[in-house]
Amino acid sequence: MPTPGEILLSLLHHGDGVGSLPETLCRRAAEDLSADGVGLTLLSDAGHRQVLAATAGTARVVEELQVTAGEGPSLDAWRERRVVLLSDVARVAPARWPGLAPALLEEGIGAIFVFPLQVGDIRLGVLDVCRTTPGRLTGEQLAIGLTYAEVAVTVLLHLQEEGGLAAGLDSRLLDPLASAPQIHQATGMISVQAAVGLAEALLLLRAHAFVHSRSARDVARDVVNRTLHFYPDNDGEAER
């Protein structure tokens, strides 16, 4: 099974040239998970919900239905910070999401699997995997889904400054100065403070900036000036 780094490199260097990086990620995930559709949705505590990318057909229908109904497995996964595996929509959905279930069944949705996108305690959104026939994910497919969710987080927090990749993203995610030397220095310091690798350290920096409505450059400056610290015993959460 490919690692998150291998998948990301493949998306960056061997993309199909059609659509944005998030859209390519959704298509690749659908292929690797034998799914009829995959969608990537941003969510916020303020109630903001934005479908960033989705494969044509099933995935987009499922996203739109959940937006209309105001309930569904995506919202549950995001609120509860856990994977939601709905292997049989007809059996489970009517009791769990009565406002959504009839529309899902009418559209022929058989199974939905939702992977939350988060860094520590910071929630960004969800990755939805849909099938027209009921059935569980295999252990390997579950692992692949978790891997793609990790890649999706990296896409959201690492590559948002790349022109076309930023289309539709919350403005707080945009930081064209993310490659500044100070950010690289801060990333190294966070890596030591939180006892994580450099890639995860940069994720923590960006996630902290996102949730506090700050730029990555401002957060990096505080880290370098030692007025902001990240600790390994608190999911990398920063403290002043």
C-alpha atoms as a PDB file:
ATOM      1  CA  MET A   1       0.000   0.000   0.000  1.00  0.00           C
ATOM      2  CA  PRO A   2       1.437   3.439  -0.903  1.00  0.00           C
ATOM      3  CA  THR A   3       2.411   5.879   1.835  1.00  0.00           C
ATOM      4  CA  PRO A   4       0.871   9.373   2.092  1.00  0.00           C
ATOM      5  CA  GLY A   5       4.093  10.845   0.741  1.00  0.00           C
ATOM      6  CA  GLU A   6       4.074   8.542  -2.273  1.00  0.00           C
ATOM      7  CA  ILE A   7       0.459   9.386  -3.068  1.00  0.00           C
ATOM      8  CA  LEU A   8       1.107  13.124  -2.771  1.00  0.00           C
ATOM      9  CA  LEU A   9       4.175  12.971  -4.992  1.00  0.00           C
ATOM     10  CA  SER A  10       2.192  11.007  -7.546  1.00  0.00           C
ATOM     11  CA  LEU A  11      -0.574  13.602  -7.517  1.00  0.00           C
ATOM     12  CA  LEU A  12       1.897  16.452  -7.889  1.00  0.00           C
ATOM     13  CA  HIS A  13       4.151  15.005 -10.559  1.00  0.00           C
ATOM     14  CA  HIS A  14       1.958  12.538 -12.413  1.00  0.00           C
ATOM     15  CA  GLY A  15      -1.467  14.151 -12.322  1.00  0.00           C
ATOM     16  CA  ASP A  16      -3.908  13.615 -15.153  1.00  0.00           C
ATOM     17  CA  GLY A  17      -3.913  17.321 -16.020  1.00  0.00           C
ATOM     18  CA  VAL A  18      -7.678  17.570 -15.577  1.00  0.00           C
ATOM     19  CA  GLY A  19      -8.978  19.844 -12.827  1.00  0.00           C
ATOM     20  CA  SER A  20      -7.395  20.920  -9.540  1.00  0.00           C
ATOM     21  CA  LEU A  21      -5.238  18.858  -7.207  1.00  0.00           C
ATOM     22  CA  PRO A  22      -8.188  18.187  -4.838  1.00  0.00           C
ATOM     23  CA  GLU A  23     -10.242  16.963  -7.808  1.00  0.00           C
ATOM     24  CA  THR A  24      -7.426  14.675  -8.910  1.00  0.00           C
ATOM     25  CA  LEU A  25      -7.129  13.366  -5.359  1.00  0.00           C
ATOM     26  CA  CYS A  26     -10.847  12.509  -5.325  1.00  0.00           C
ATOM     27  CA  ARG A  27     -10.603  10.653  -8.625  1.00  0.00           C
ATOM     28  CA  ARG A  28      -7.544   8.686  -7.531  1.00  0.00           C
ATOM     29  CA  ALA A  29      -9.152   7.806  -4.196  1.00  0.00           C
ATOM     30  CA  ALA A  30     -12.278   6.575  -5.973  1.00  0.00           C
ATOM     31  CA  GLU A  31     -10.150   4.309  -8.155  1.00  0.00           C
ATOM     32  CA  ASP A  32      -8.078   2.904  -5.293  1.00  0.00           C
ATOM     33  CA  LEU A  33     -11.147   2.305  -3.101  1.00  0.00           C
ATOM     34  CA  SER A  34     -13.349   0.834  -5.866  1.00  0.00           C
ATOM     35  CA  ALA A  35     -15.842   3.590  -5.070  1.00  0.00           C
ATOM     36  CA  ASP A  36     -18.499   5.180  -7.264  1.00  0.00           C
ATOM     37  CA  GLY A  37     -17.598   8.622  -5.947  1.00  0.00           C
ATOM     38  CA  VAL A  38     -15.405  10.601  -3.547  1.00  0.00           C
ATOM     39  CA  GLY A  39     -15.942  14.136  -2.262  1.00  0.00           C
ATOM     40  CA  LEU A  40     -13.809  16.588  -0.260  1.00  0.00           C
ATOM     41  CA  THR A  41     -15.732  19.054   1.904  1.00  0.00           C
ATOM     42  CA  LEU A  42     -14.571  21.904   4.183  1.00  0.00           C
ATOM     43  CA  LEU A  43     -16.486  22.473   7.425  1.00  0.00           C
ATOM     44  CA  SER A  44     -16.171  25.028  10.222  1.00  0.00           C
ATOM     45  CA  ASP A  45     -17.530  25.621  13.718  1.00  0.00           C
ATOM     46  CA  ALA A  46     -19.364  28.663  12.348  1.00  0.00           C
ATOM     47  CA  GLY A  47     -21.484  26.390  10.171  1.00  0.00           C
ATOM     48  CA  HIS A  48     -19.607  27.059   6.953  1.00  0.00           C
ATOM     49  CA  ARG A  49     -19.809  24.104   4.574  1.00  0.00           C
ATOM     50  CA  GLN A  50     -18.105  24.071   1.189  1.00  0.00           C
ATOM     51  CA  VAL A  51     -17.687  21.223  -1.275  1.00  0.00           C
ATOM     52  CA  LEU A  52     -14.123  21.765  -2.449  1.00  0.00           C
ATOM     53  CA  ALA A  53     -14.009  18.868  -4.907  1.00  0.00           C
ATOM     54  CA  ALA A  54     -16.045  15.799  -5.856  1.00  0.00           C
ATOM     55  CA  THR A  55     -16.099  13.238  -8.607  1.00  0.00           C
ATOM     56  CA  ALA A  56     -19.030  13.511 -10.992  1.00  0.00           C
ATOM     57  CA  GLY A  57     -22.284  11.769 -10.187  1.00  0.00           C
ATOM     58  CA  THR A  58     -22.704   9.929  -6.892  1.00  0.00           C
ATOM     59  CA  ALA A  59     -20.302  11.892  -4.695  1.00  0.00           C
ATOM     60  CA  ARG A  60     -21.633  15.304  -5.673  1.00  0.00           C
ATOM     61  CA  VAL A  61     -25.219  14.119  -5.211  1.00  0.00           C
ATOM     62  CA  VAL A  62     -24.426  12.866  -1.699  1.00  0.00           C
ATOM     63  CA  GLU A  63     -22.728  16.155  -0.777  1.00  0.00           C
ATOM     64  CA  GLU A  64     -25.631  18.242  -2.063  1.00  0.00           C
ATOM     65  CA  LEU A  65     -28.216  16.085  -0.289  1.00  0.00           C
ATOM     66  CA  GLN A  66     -26.429  16.458   3.054  1.00  0.00           C
ATOM     67  CA  VAL A  67     -26.165  20.217   2.608  1.00  0.00           C
ATOM     68  CA  THR A  68     -29.912  20.411   1.910  1.00  0.00           C
ATOM     69  CA  ALA A  69     -30.935  18.119   4.789  1.00  0.00           C
ATOM     70  CA  GLY A  70     -28.504  19.614   7.308  1.00  0.00           C
ATOM     71  CA  GLU A  71     -27.629  16.139   8.579  1.00  0.00           C
ATOM     72  CA  GLY A  72     -25.780  13.025   7.518  1.00  0.00           C
ATOM     73  CA  PRO A  73     -22.660  10.926   8.032  1.00  0.00           C
ATOM     74  CA  SER A  74     -20.321  13.745   6.987  1.00  0.00           C
ATOM     75  CA  LEU A  75     -21.518  16.052   9.750  1.00  0.00           C
ATOM     76  CA  ASP A  76     -21.411  13.224  12.287  1.00  0.00           C
ATOM     77  CA  ALA A  77     -17.839  12.332  11.348  1.00  0.00           C
ATOM     78  CA  TRP A  78     -16.751  15.951  11.615  1.00  0.00           C
ATOM     79  CA  ARG A  79     -18.522  16.691  14.904  1.00  0.00           C
ATOM     80  CA  GLU A  80     -17.475  13.444  16.574  1.00  0.00           C
ATOM     81  CA  ARG A  81     -13.938  13.438  15.122  1.00  0.00           C
ATOM     82  CA  ARG A  82     -14.202   9.828  13.994  1.00  0.00           C
ATOM     83  CA  VAL A  83     -14.585   7.715  10.888  1.00  0.00           C
ATOM     84  CA  VAL A  84     -18.205   6.885  10.027  1.00  0.00           C
ATOM     85  CA  LEU A  85     -18.659   3.619   8.137  1.00  0.00           C
ATOM     86  CA  LEU A  86     -22.170   3.256   6.734  1.00  0.00           C
ATOM     87  CA  SER A  87     -22.049  -0.044   4.866  1.00  0.00           C
ATOM     88  CA  ASP A  88     -25.816  -0.311   4.300  1.00  0.00           C
ATOM     89  CA  VAL A  89     -27.709   2.945   3.820  1.00  0.00           C
ATOM     90  CA  ALA A  90     -31.105   1.235   3.546  1.00  0.00           C
ATOM     91  CA  ARG A  91     -30.683  -0.484   6.911  1.00  0.00           C
ATOM     92  CA  VAL A  92     -29.163   2.314   9.000  1.00  0.00           C
ATOM     93  CA  ALA A  93     -29.952   5.724   7.497  1.00  0.00           C
ATOM     94  CA  PRO A  94     -33.775   5.876   7.998  1.00  0.00           C
ATOM     95  CA  ALA A  95     -33.450   5.745  11.786  1.00  0.00           C
ATOM     96  CA  ARG A  96     -30.251   7.773  12.059  1.00  0.00           C
ATOM     97  CA  TRP A  97     -30.928  10.538   9.520  1.00  0.00           C
ATOM     98  CA  PRO A  98     -34.676  10.507   8.772  1.00  0.00           C
ATOM     99  CA  GLY A  99     -34.526  13.752   6.808  1.00  0.00           C
ATOM    100  CA  LEU A 100     -31.751  12.511   4.556  1.00  0.00           C
ATOM    101  CA  ALA A 101     -32.384   8.787   4.123  1.00  0.00           C
ATOM    102  CA  PRO A 102     -35.286   8.930   1.600  1.00  0.00           C
ATOM    103  CA  ALA A 103     -33.266  11.082  -0.794  1.00  0.00           C
ATOM    104  CA  LEU A 104     -30.187   8.849  -0.494  1.00  0.00           C
ATOM    105  CA  LEU A 105     -32.240   5.743  -1.230  1.00  0.00           C
ATOM    106  CA  GLU A 106     -34.011   7.414  -4.137  1.00  0.00           C
ATOM    107  CA  GLU A 107     -30.614   8.266  -5.657  1.00  0.00           C
ATOM    108  CA  GLY A 108     -29.486   4.664  -5.251  1.00  0.00           C
ATOM    109  CA  ILE A 109     -26.772   5.276  -2.638  1.00  0.00           C
ATOM    110  CA  GLY A 110     -25.866   1.966  -1.016  1.00  0.00           C
ATOM    111  CA  ALA A 111     -22.917   2.797   1.248  1.00  0.00           C
ATOM    112  CA  ILE A 112     -21.067   5.871   2.538  1.00  0.00           C
ATOM    113  CA  PHE A 113     -17.735   5.990   4.350  1.00  0.00           C
ATOM    114  CA  VAL A 114     -16.557   9.301   5.837  1.00  0.00           C
ATOM    115  CA  PHE A 115     -13.040  10.156   6.988  1.00  0.00           C
ATOM    116  CA  PRO A 116     -12.573  13.330   9.090  1.00  0.00           C
ATOM    117  CA  LEU A 117      -9.742  15.683   8.121  1.00  0.00           C
ATOM    118  CA  GLN A 118      -8.002  16.982  11.206  1.00  0.00           C
ATOM    119  CA  VAL A 119      -4.655  17.922  12.733  1.00  0.00           C
ATOM    120  CA  GLY A 120      -4.635  17.352  16.484  1.00  0.00           C
ATOM    121  CA  ASP A 121      -7.775  19.055  17.779  1.00  0.00           C
ATOM    122  CA  ILE A 122      -8.220  21.187  14.663  1.00  0.00           C
ATOM    123  CA  ARG A 123     -10.998  20.046  12.315  1.00  0.00           C
ATOM    124  CA  LEU A 124     -10.868  21.034   8.651  1.00  0.00           C
ATOM    125  CA  GLY A 125     -13.504  18.933   6.906  1.00  0.00           C
ATOM    126  CA  VAL A 126     -14.220  15.421   5.645  1.00  0.00           C
ATOM    127  CA  LEU A 127     -13.456  13.019   2.815  1.00  0.00           C
ATOM    128  CA  ASP A 128     -16.598  11.133   1.683  1.00  0.00           C
ATOM    129  CA  VAL A 129     -16.430   7.791  -0.122  1.00  0.00           C
ATOM    130  CA  CYS A 130     -19.676   6.585  -1.752  1.00  0.00           C
ATOM    131  CA  ARG A 131     -20.876   3.372  -3.365  1.00  0.00           C
ATOM    132  CA  THR A 132     -24.118   2.508  -5.117  1.00  0.00           C
ATOM    133  CA  THR A 133     -24.147  -0.991  -3.612  1.00  0.00           C
ATOM    134  CA  PRO A 134     -24.033  -1.848   0.100  1.00  0.00           C
ATOM    135  CA  GLY A 135     -21.000  -3.573   1.549  1.00  0.00           C
ATOM    136  CA  ARG A 136     -18.177  -3.053   4.005  1.00  0.00           C
ATOM    137  CA  LEU A 137     -14.699  -1.763   3.347  1.00  0.00           C
ATOM    138  CA  THR A 138     -12.002  -4.383   3.660  1.00  0.00           C
ATOM    139  CA  GLY A 139      -9.236  -3.801   6.179  1.00  0.00           C
ATOM    140  CA  GLU A 140      -6.916  -2.748   3.387  1.00  0.00           C
ATOM    141  CA  GLN A 141      -9.499  -0.361   1.920  1.00  0.00           C
ATOM    142  CA  LEU A 142     -10.021   1.232   5.334  1.00  0.00           C
ATOM    143  CA  ALA A 143      -6.274   1.796   5.601  1.00  0.00           C
ATOM    144  CA  ILE A 144      -6.227   3.300   2.098  1.00  0.00           C
ATOM    145  CA  GLY A 145      -9.106   5.621   3.022  1.00  0.00           C
ATOM    146  CA  LEU A 146      -7.247   6.830   6.115  1.00  0.00           C
ATOM    147  CA  THR A 147      -4.149   7.391   4.003  1.00  0.00           C
ATOM    148  CA  TYR A 148      -6.053   9.493   1.473  1.00  0.00           C
ATOM    149  CA  ALA A 149      -7.562  11.511   4.335  1.00  0.00           C
ATOM    150  CA  GLU A 150      -4.031  12.255   5.537  1.00  0.00           C
ATOM    151  CA  VAL A 151      -3.046  13.291   2.028  1.00  0.00           C
ATOM    152  CA  ALA A 152      -6.140  15.521   1.797  1.00  0.00           C
ATOM    153  CA  VAL A 153      -5.063  17.354   4.963  1.00  0.00           C
ATOM    154  CA  THR A 154      -1.644  17.900   3.435  1.00  0.00           C
ATOM    155  CA  VAL A 155      -3.227  19.220   0.247  1.00  0.00           C
ATOM    156  CA  LEU A 156      -5.357  21.679   2.206  1.00  0.00           C
ATOM    157  CA  LEU A 157      -2.601  22.966   4.464  1.00  0.00           C
ATOM    158  CA  HIS A 158       0.546  22.658   2.358  1.00  0.00           C
ATOM    159  CA  LEU A 159      -0.404  23.544  -1.189  1.00  0.00           C
ATOM    160  CA  GLN A 160      -3.058  26.222  -0.837  1.00  0.00           C
ATOM    161  CA  GLU A 161      -0.665  28.936  -1.985  1.00  0.00           C
ATOM    162  CA  GLU A 162      -0.362  27.326  -5.433  1.00  0.00           C
ATOM    163  CA  GLY A 163      -2.598  29.435  -7.717  1.00  0.00           C
ATOM    164  CA  GLY A 164      -5.285  27.128  -9.089  1.00  0.00           C
ATOM    165  CA  LEU A 165      -5.146  24.814  -6.090  1.00  0.00           C
ATOM    166  CA  ALA A 166      -6.550  27.572  -3.921  1.00  0.00           C
ATOM    167  CA  ALA A 167      -9.844  27.873  -5.793  1.00  0.00           C
ATOM    168  CA  GLY A 168     -12.730  27.722  -3.365  1.00  0.00           C
ATOM    169  CA  LEU A 169     -10.640  27.570  -0.194  1.00  0.00           C
ATOM    170  CA  ASP A 170     -11.424  29.653   2.868  1.00  0.00           C
ATOM    171  CA  SER A 171      -9.322  32.820   2.662  1.00  0.00           C
ATOM    172  CA  ARG A 172      -7.669  31.980   5.990  1.00  0.00           C
ATOM    173  CA  LEU A 173      -5.932  29.078   4.264  1.00  0.00           C
ATOM    174  CA  LEU A 174      -4.250  31.328   1.732  1.00  0.00           C
ATOM    175  CA  ASP A 175      -0.706  32.430   2.441  1.00  0.00           C
ATOM    176  CA  PRO A 176       1.521  33.147  -0.560  1.00  0.00           C
ATOM    177  CA  LEU A 177       4.505  33.702   1.764  1.00  0.00           C
ATOM    178  CA  ALA A 178       4.415  30.148   3.117  1.00  0.00           C
ATOM    179  CA  SER A 179       7.838  29.434   1.680  1.00  0.00           C
ATOM    180  CA  ALA A 180       9.500  32.298   3.594  1.00  0.00           C
ATOM    181  CA  PRO A 181      12.715  31.421   5.466  1.00  0.00           C
ATOM    182  CA  GLN A 182      11.121  32.281   8.816  1.00  0.00           C
ATOM    183  CA  ILE A 183       8.456  29.635   8.248  1.00  0.00           C
ATOM    184  CA  HIS A 184      11.131  27.055   7.525  1.00  0.00           C
ATOM    185  CA  GLN A 185      12.943  28.048  10.728  1.00  0.00           C
ATOM    186  CA  ALA A 186       9.727  27.876  12.749  1.00  0.00           C
ATOM    187  CA  THR A 187       8.922  24.468  11.263  1.00  0.00           C
ATOM    188  CA  GLY A 188      12.238  23.138  12.508  1.00  0.00           C
ATOM    189  CA  MET A 189      11.621  24.534  15.984  1.00  0.00           C
ATOM    190  CA  ILE A 190       8.110  23.053  16.135  1.00  0.00           C
ATOM    191  CA  SER A 191       9.511  19.712  15.026  1.00  0.00           C
ATOM    192  CA  VAL A 192      11.805  19.700  18.081  1.00  0.00           C
ATOM    193  CA  GLN A 193       9.213  21.118  20.512  1.00  0.00           C
ATOM    194  CA  ALA A 194       6.392  18.730  19.550  1.00  0.00           C
ATOM    195  CA  ALA A 195       8.685  15.766  18.797  1.00  0.00           C
ATOM    196  CA  VAL A 196       7.283  15.304  15.278  1.00  0.00           C
ATOM    197  CA  GLY A 197       8.695  15.198  11.766  1.00  0.00           C
ATOM    198  CA  LEU A 198       9.136  18.327   9.672  1.00  0.00           C
ATOM    199  CA  ALA A 199       6.072  17.601   7.512  1.00  0.00           C
ATOM    200  CA  GLU A 200       3.800  17.266  10.543  1.00  0.00           C
ATOM    201  CA  ALA A 201       5.406  20.325  12.142  1.00  0.00           C
ATOM    202  CA  LEU A 202       4.459  22.432   9.127  1.00  0.00           C
ATOM    203  CA  LEU A 203       0.940  21.003   9.291  1.00  0.00           C
ATOM    204  CA  LEU A 204       0.695  22.062  12.944  1.00  0.00           C
ATOM    205  CA  LEU A 205       1.902  25.573  12.112  1.00  0.00           C
ATOM    206  CA  ARG A 206      -0.613  25.980   9.287  1.00  0.00           C
ATOM    207  CA  ALA A 207      -3.449  24.449  11.276  1.00  0.00           C
ATOM    208  CA  HIS A 208      -2.785  26.799  14.204  1.00  0.00           C
ATOM    209  CA  ALA A 209      -2.795  29.758  11.812  1.00  0.00           C
ATOM    210  CA  PHE A 210      -6.039  28.561  10.234  1.00  0.00           C
ATOM    211  CA  VAL A 211      -7.991  28.075  13.448  1.00  0.00           C
ATOM    212  CA  HIS A 212      -6.811  31.397  14.944  1.00  0.00           C
ATOM    213  CA  SER A 213      -7.435  33.398  11.742  1.00  0.00           C
ATOM    214  CA  ARG A 214      -3.789  34.347  11.418  1.00  0.00           C
ATOM    215  CA  SER A 215      -1.243  34.073   8.631  1.00  0.00           C
ATOM    216  CA  ALA A 216       1.351  31.322   8.715  1.00  0.00           C
ATOM    217  CA  ARG A 217       4.031  34.039   8.655  1.00  0.00           C
ATOM    218  CA  ASP A 218       2.689  35.651  11.851  1.00  0.00           C
ATOM    219  CA  VAL A 219       2.551  32.305  13.657  1.00  0.00           C
ATOM    220  CA  ALA A 220       6.082  31.494  12.476  1.00  0.00           C
ATOM    221  CA  ARG A 221       7.343  34.815  13.838  1.00  0.00           C
ATOM    222  CA  ASP A 222       5.897  34.034  17.278  1.00  0.00           C
ATOM    223  CA  VAL A 223       7.516  30.606  17.245  1.00  0.00           C
ATOM    224  CA  VAL A 224      10.911  32.013  16.260  1.00  0.00           C
ATOM    225  CA  ASN A 225      10.587  34.749  18.924  1.00  0.00           C
ATOM    226  CA  ARG A 226       9.729  32.006  21.440  1.00  0.00           C
ATOM    227  CA  THR A 227       6.387  33.535  22.427  1.00  0.00           C
ATOM    228  CA  LEU A 228       4.520  30.505  21.063  1.00  0.00           C
ATOM    229  CA  HIS A 229       5.415  26.890  21.832  1.00  0.00           C
ATOM    230  CA  PHE A 230       4.120  23.491  20.701  1.00  0.00           C
ATOM    231  CA  TYR A 231       4.181  20.544  23.099  1.00  0.00           C
ATOM    232  CA  PRO A 232       4.251  16.770  22.416  1.00  0.00           C
ATOM    233  CA  ASP A 233       1.853  15.887  25.259  1.00  0.00           C
ATOM    234  CA  ASN A 234      -1.040  17.965  23.938  1.00  0.00           C
ATOM    235  CA  ASP A 235      -1.531  16.696  20.376  1.00  0.00           C
ATOM    236  CA  GLY A 236       0.890  19.372  19.276  1.00  0.00           C
ATOM    237  CA  GLU A 237      -1.449  22.122  20.494  1.00  0.00           C
ATOM    238  CA  ALA A 238       0.327  25.423  20.885  1.00  0.00           C
ATOM    239  CA  GLU A 239       0.570  27.393  24.111  1.00  0.00           C
ATOM    240  CA  ARG A 240       1.856  30.843  24.884  1.00  0.00           C
END
